[in-house]
Amino acid sequence: MRRYTISRAVRPLMLALLTTGVACSQPKTPADAPAQTQRQRDSVIGASSLPGAAGVRGAMSARDSAAARKARLDSIARDTTS
């Protein structure tokens, strides 16, 4: 009968793979998810000194302007149909 043994060099590798597999298989809970909205994340980036922050601020301004214009047009449409 032949005995198979695991060499000493392979044992730490197997332990590391097993540990990694167990650690990565844990399901994420909602508490792990970020609680910020996209606008909040954009605002933080826009306020920073990161490259491209000015572009994020400009995009947020354009988005706000478009939303305000849409709200004005919706209110005009409601007023004319009444």
N, C-alpha and C. Protein backbone atom coordinates (compact mmCIF):
# COMPACT_ATOMS: atom_id res chain seq x y z
N MET A 1 0.85 -1.17 0.00
CA MET A 1 0.00 0.00 0.00
C MET A 1 0.90 1.24 0.00
N ARG A 2 0.54 2.17 -0.83
CA ARG A 2 1.35 3.38 -1.00
C ARG A 2 0.74 4.54 -0.20
N ARG A 3 1.55 5.24 0.54
CA ARG A 3 1.07 6.39 1.33
C ARG A 3 1.43 7.67 0.60
N TYR A 4 0.47 8.55 0.52
CA TYR A 4 0.71 9.85 -0.09
C TYR A 4 0.85 10.88 1.02
N THR A 5 1.91 11.63 0.99
CA THR A 5 2.11 12.68 1.99
C THR A 5 2.27 14.01 1.28
N ILE A 6 1.88 15.03 1.97
CA ILE A 6 1.99 16.39 1.43
C ILE A 6 3.32 16.96 1.91
N SER A 7 4.08 17.44 0.98
CA SER A 7 5.39 17.97 1.36
C SER A 7 5.24 19.23 2.20
N ARG A 8 6.25 19.55 2.94
CA ARG A 8 6.22 20.73 3.82
C ARG A 8 6.09 22.02 3.04
N ALA A 9 6.57 22.07 1.83
CA ALA A 9 6.50 23.29 1.03
C ALA A 9 5.08 23.55 0.54
N VAL A 10 4.28 22.51 0.38
CA VAL A 10 2.93 22.66 -0.16
C VAL A 10 1.92 23.03 0.93
N ARG A 11 2.18 22.64 2.16
CA ARG A 11 1.23 22.91 3.24
C ARG A 11 0.91 24.39 3.43
N PRO A 12 1.90 25.29 3.51
CA PRO A 12 1.55 26.71 3.66
C PRO A 12 0.76 27.25 2.46
N LEU A 13 1.08 26.77 1.27
CA LEU A 13 0.34 27.20 0.08
C LEU A 13 -1.11 26.76 0.15
N MET A 14 -1.33 25.54 0.55
CA MET A 14 -2.70 25.04 0.68
C MET A 14 -3.46 25.82 1.76
N LEU A 15 -2.81 26.11 2.86
CA LEU A 15 -3.45 26.88 3.93
C LEU A 15 -3.80 28.29 3.45
N ALA A 16 -2.90 28.91 2.71
CA ALA A 16 -3.17 30.26 2.19
C ALA A 16 -4.33 30.24 1.21
N LEU A 17 -4.38 29.25 0.33
CA LEU A 17 -5.49 29.15 -0.63
C LEU A 17 -6.82 28.90 0.08
N LEU A 18 -6.80 28.04 1.08
CA LEU A 18 -8.02 27.77 1.83
C LEU A 18 -8.50 29.01 2.57
N THR A 19 -7.59 29.71 3.21
CA THR A 19 -7.95 30.94 3.93
C THR A 19 -8.50 31.99 2.98
N THR A 20 -7.86 32.16 1.85
CA THR A 20 -8.33 33.13 0.86
C THR A 20 -9.71 32.76 0.35
N GLY A 21 -9.91 31.49 0.09
CA GLY A 21 -11.22 31.04 -0.40
C GLY A 21 -12.33 31.29 0.60
N VAL A 22 -12.06 31.03 1.86
CA VAL A 22 -13.06 31.25 2.90
C VAL A 22 -13.32 32.75 3.08
N ALA A 23 -12.27 33.54 3.07
CA ALA A 23 -12.43 34.99 3.27
C ALA A 23 -13.18 35.64 2.13
N CYS A 24 -12.97 35.18 0.92
CA CYS A 24 -13.62 35.78 -0.25
C CYS A 24 -15.03 35.28 -0.46
N SER A 25 -15.40 34.22 0.19
CA SER A 25 -16.73 33.65 -0.05
C SER A 25 -17.80 34.22 0.88
N GLN A 26 -17.44 35.10 1.77
CA GLN A 26 -18.42 35.69 2.68
C GLN A 26 -19.35 36.61 1.91
N PRO A 27 -20.64 36.45 2.08
CA PRO A 27 -21.57 37.34 1.36
C PRO A 27 -21.50 38.75 1.93
N LYS A 28 -21.68 39.71 1.06
CA LYS A 28 -21.69 41.10 1.50
C LYS A 28 -23.06 41.44 2.05
N THR A 29 -23.06 42.15 3.13
CA THR A 29 -24.31 42.58 3.74
C THR A 29 -24.59 44.01 3.32
N PRO A 30 -25.82 44.46 3.44
CA PRO A 30 -26.13 45.84 3.09
C PRO A 30 -25.31 46.84 3.89
N ALA A 31 -24.87 46.46 5.09
CA ALA A 31 -24.06 47.38 5.89
C ALA A 31 -22.70 47.61 5.25
N ASP A 32 -22.23 46.65 4.43
CA ASP A 32 -20.95 46.82 3.75
C ASP A 32 -21.05 47.77 2.56
N ALA A 33 -22.25 47.95 2.05
CA ALA A 33 -22.44 48.80 0.88
C ALA A 33 -22.30 50.27 1.27
N PRO A 34 -21.78 51.09 0.37
CA PRO A 34 -21.66 52.51 0.71
C PRO A 34 -23.04 53.15 0.86
N ALA A 35 -23.15 54.04 1.83
CA ALA A 35 -24.43 54.66 2.13
C ALA A 35 -24.62 55.97 1.37
N GLN A 36 -23.66 56.33 0.52
CA GLN A 36 -23.76 57.60 -0.18
C GLN A 36 -24.47 57.43 -1.52
N THR A 37 -25.18 58.48 -1.91
CA THR A 37 -25.80 58.49 -3.22
C THR A 37 -24.76 58.91 -4.25
N GLN A 38 -25.11 58.78 -5.52
CA GLN A 38 -24.18 59.19 -6.58
C GLN A 38 -23.90 60.69 -6.50
N ARG A 39 -24.90 61.46 -6.19
CA ARG A 39 -24.69 62.91 -6.08
C ARG A 39 -23.74 63.25 -4.94
N GLN A 40 -23.86 62.55 -3.81
CA GLN A 40 -22.96 62.80 -2.69
C GLN A 40 -21.51 62.45 -3.05
N ARG A 41 -21.33 61.33 -3.75
CA ARG A 41 -19.98 60.95 -4.17
C ARG A 41 -19.42 61.98 -5.15
N ASP A 42 -20.26 62.43 -6.10
CA ASP A 42 -19.81 63.44 -7.06
C ASP A 42 -19.45 64.74 -6.36
N SER A 43 -20.23 65.09 -5.35
CA SER A 43 -19.97 66.32 -4.62
C SER A 43 -18.63 66.26 -3.89
N VAL A 44 -18.32 65.12 -3.30
CA VAL A 44 -17.04 64.95 -2.61
C VAL A 44 -15.89 65.04 -3.60
N ILE A 45 -16.05 64.40 -4.74
CA ILE A 45 -14.99 64.45 -5.76
C ILE A 45 -14.85 65.88 -6.29
N GLY A 46 -15.96 66.55 -6.53
CA GLY A 46 -15.91 67.92 -7.05
C GLY A 46 -15.25 68.89 -6.08
N ALA A 47 -15.40 68.65 -4.80
CA ALA A 47 -14.81 69.53 -3.79
C ALA A 47 -13.33 69.23 -3.54
N SER A 48 -12.85 68.13 -4.08
CA SER A 48 -11.46 67.75 -3.83
C SER A 48 -10.52 68.45 -4.82
N SER A 49 -9.25 68.18 -4.65
CA SER A 49 -8.25 68.75 -5.56
C SER A 49 -7.74 67.69 -6.53
N LEU A 50 -8.55 66.65 -6.73
CA LEU A 50 -8.18 65.59 -7.67
C LEU A 50 -8.22 66.12 -9.10
N PRO A 51 -7.41 65.54 -9.98
CA PRO A 51 -7.50 65.92 -11.39
C PRO A 51 -8.90 65.59 -11.92
N GLY A 52 -9.50 66.51 -12.61
CA GLY A 52 -10.83 66.30 -13.15
C GLY A 52 -11.94 66.76 -12.23
N ALA A 53 -11.61 67.27 -11.05
CA ALA A 53 -12.64 67.70 -10.11
C ALA A 53 -13.44 68.87 -10.68
N ALA A 54 -12.78 69.75 -11.42
CA ALA A 54 -13.49 70.88 -12.02
C ALA A 54 -14.51 70.40 -13.04
N GLY A 55 -14.17 69.34 -13.76
CA GLY A 55 -15.12 68.76 -14.72
C GLY A 55 -16.33 68.16 -14.02
N VAL A 56 -16.11 67.56 -12.87
CA VAL A 56 -17.22 67.00 -12.09
C VAL A 56 -18.11 68.13 -11.59
N ARG A 57 -17.49 69.21 -11.12
CA ARG A 57 -18.30 70.37 -10.66
C ARG A 57 -19.12 70.94 -11.82
N GLY A 58 -18.51 71.04 -13.00
CA GLY A 58 -19.24 71.56 -14.17
C GLY A 58 -20.40 70.65 -14.55
N ALA A 59 -20.17 69.35 -14.51
CA ALA A 59 -21.23 68.40 -14.84
C ALA A 59 -22.37 68.48 -13.83
N MET A 60 -22.02 68.66 -12.56
CA MET A 60 -23.07 68.79 -11.54
C MET A 60 -23.88 70.06 -11.76
N SER A 61 -23.20 71.13 -12.13
CA SER A 61 -23.89 72.39 -12.40
C SER A 61 -24.83 72.25 -13.59
N ALA A 62 -24.36 71.58 -14.63
CA ALA A 62 -25.20 71.37 -15.81
C ALA A 62 -26.40 70.49 -15.48
N ARG A 63 -26.19 69.48 -14.66
CA ARG A 63 -27.28 68.59 -14.25
C ARG A 63 -28.31 69.37 -13.42
N ASP A 64 -27.84 70.24 -12.52
CA ASP A 64 -28.75 71.04 -11.72
C ASP A 64 -29.55 72.01 -12.58
N SER A 65 -28.87 72.63 -13.55
CA SER A 65 -29.55 73.55 -14.46
C SER A 65 -30.62 72.84 -15.28
N ALA A 66 -30.29 71.66 -15.78
CA ALA A 66 -31.25 70.90 -16.57
C ALA A 66 -32.45 70.48 -15.72
N ALA A 67 -32.20 70.09 -14.48
CA ALA A 67 -33.30 69.70 -13.59
C ALA A 67 -34.19 70.89 -13.27
N ALA A 68 -33.59 72.05 -13.05
CA ALA A 68 -34.37 73.25 -12.76
C ALA A 68 -35.21 73.65 -13.97
N ARG A 69 -34.62 73.56 -15.16
CA ARG A 69 -35.36 73.90 -16.38
C ARG A 69 -36.52 72.93 -16.59
N LYS A 70 -36.28 71.66 -16.36
CA LYS A 70 -37.34 70.67 -16.51
C LYS A 70 -38.47 70.94 -15.52
N ALA A 71 -38.12 71.30 -14.30
CA ALA A 71 -39.14 71.61 -13.29
C ALA A 71 -39.97 72.82 -13.71
N ARG A 72 -39.28 73.85 -14.26
CA ARG A 72 -40.02 75.03 -14.74
C ARG A 72 -40.97 74.66 -15.87
N LEU A 73 -40.50 73.86 -16.83
CA LEU A 73 -41.36 73.47 -17.96
C LEU A 73 -42.52 72.60 -17.50
N ASP A 74 -42.28 71.73 -16.53
CA ASP A 74 -43.36 70.90 -16.00
C ASP A 74 -44.41 71.74 -15.30
N SER A 75 -43.97 72.76 -14.56
CA SER A 75 -44.95 73.60 -13.87
C SER A 75 -45.75 74.44 -14.87
N ILE A 76 -45.11 74.87 -15.95
CA ILE A 76 -45.84 75.61 -17.01
C ILE A 76 -46.85 74.70 -17.66
N ALA A 77 -46.47 73.47 -17.92
CA ALA A 77 -47.39 72.52 -18.56
C ALA A 77 -48.57 72.24 -17.65
N ARG A 78 -48.34 72.14 -16.35
CA ARG A 78 -49.45 71.91 -15.41
C ARG A 78 -50.38 73.11 -15.36
N ASP A 79 -49.83 74.32 -15.42
CA ASP A 79 -50.63 75.53 -15.35
C ASP A 79 -51.51 75.69 -16.59
N THR A 80 -51.02 75.30 -17.74
CA THR A 80 -51.78 75.49 -18.98
C THR A 80 -52.85 74.43 -19.17
N THR A 81 -52.73 73.29 -18.53
CA THR A 81 -53.74 72.23 -18.71
C THR A 81 -54.87 72.38 -17.72
N SER A 82 -54.73 73.20 -16.70
CA SER A 82 -55.78 73.36 -15.69
C SER A 82 -56.84 74.32 -16.12
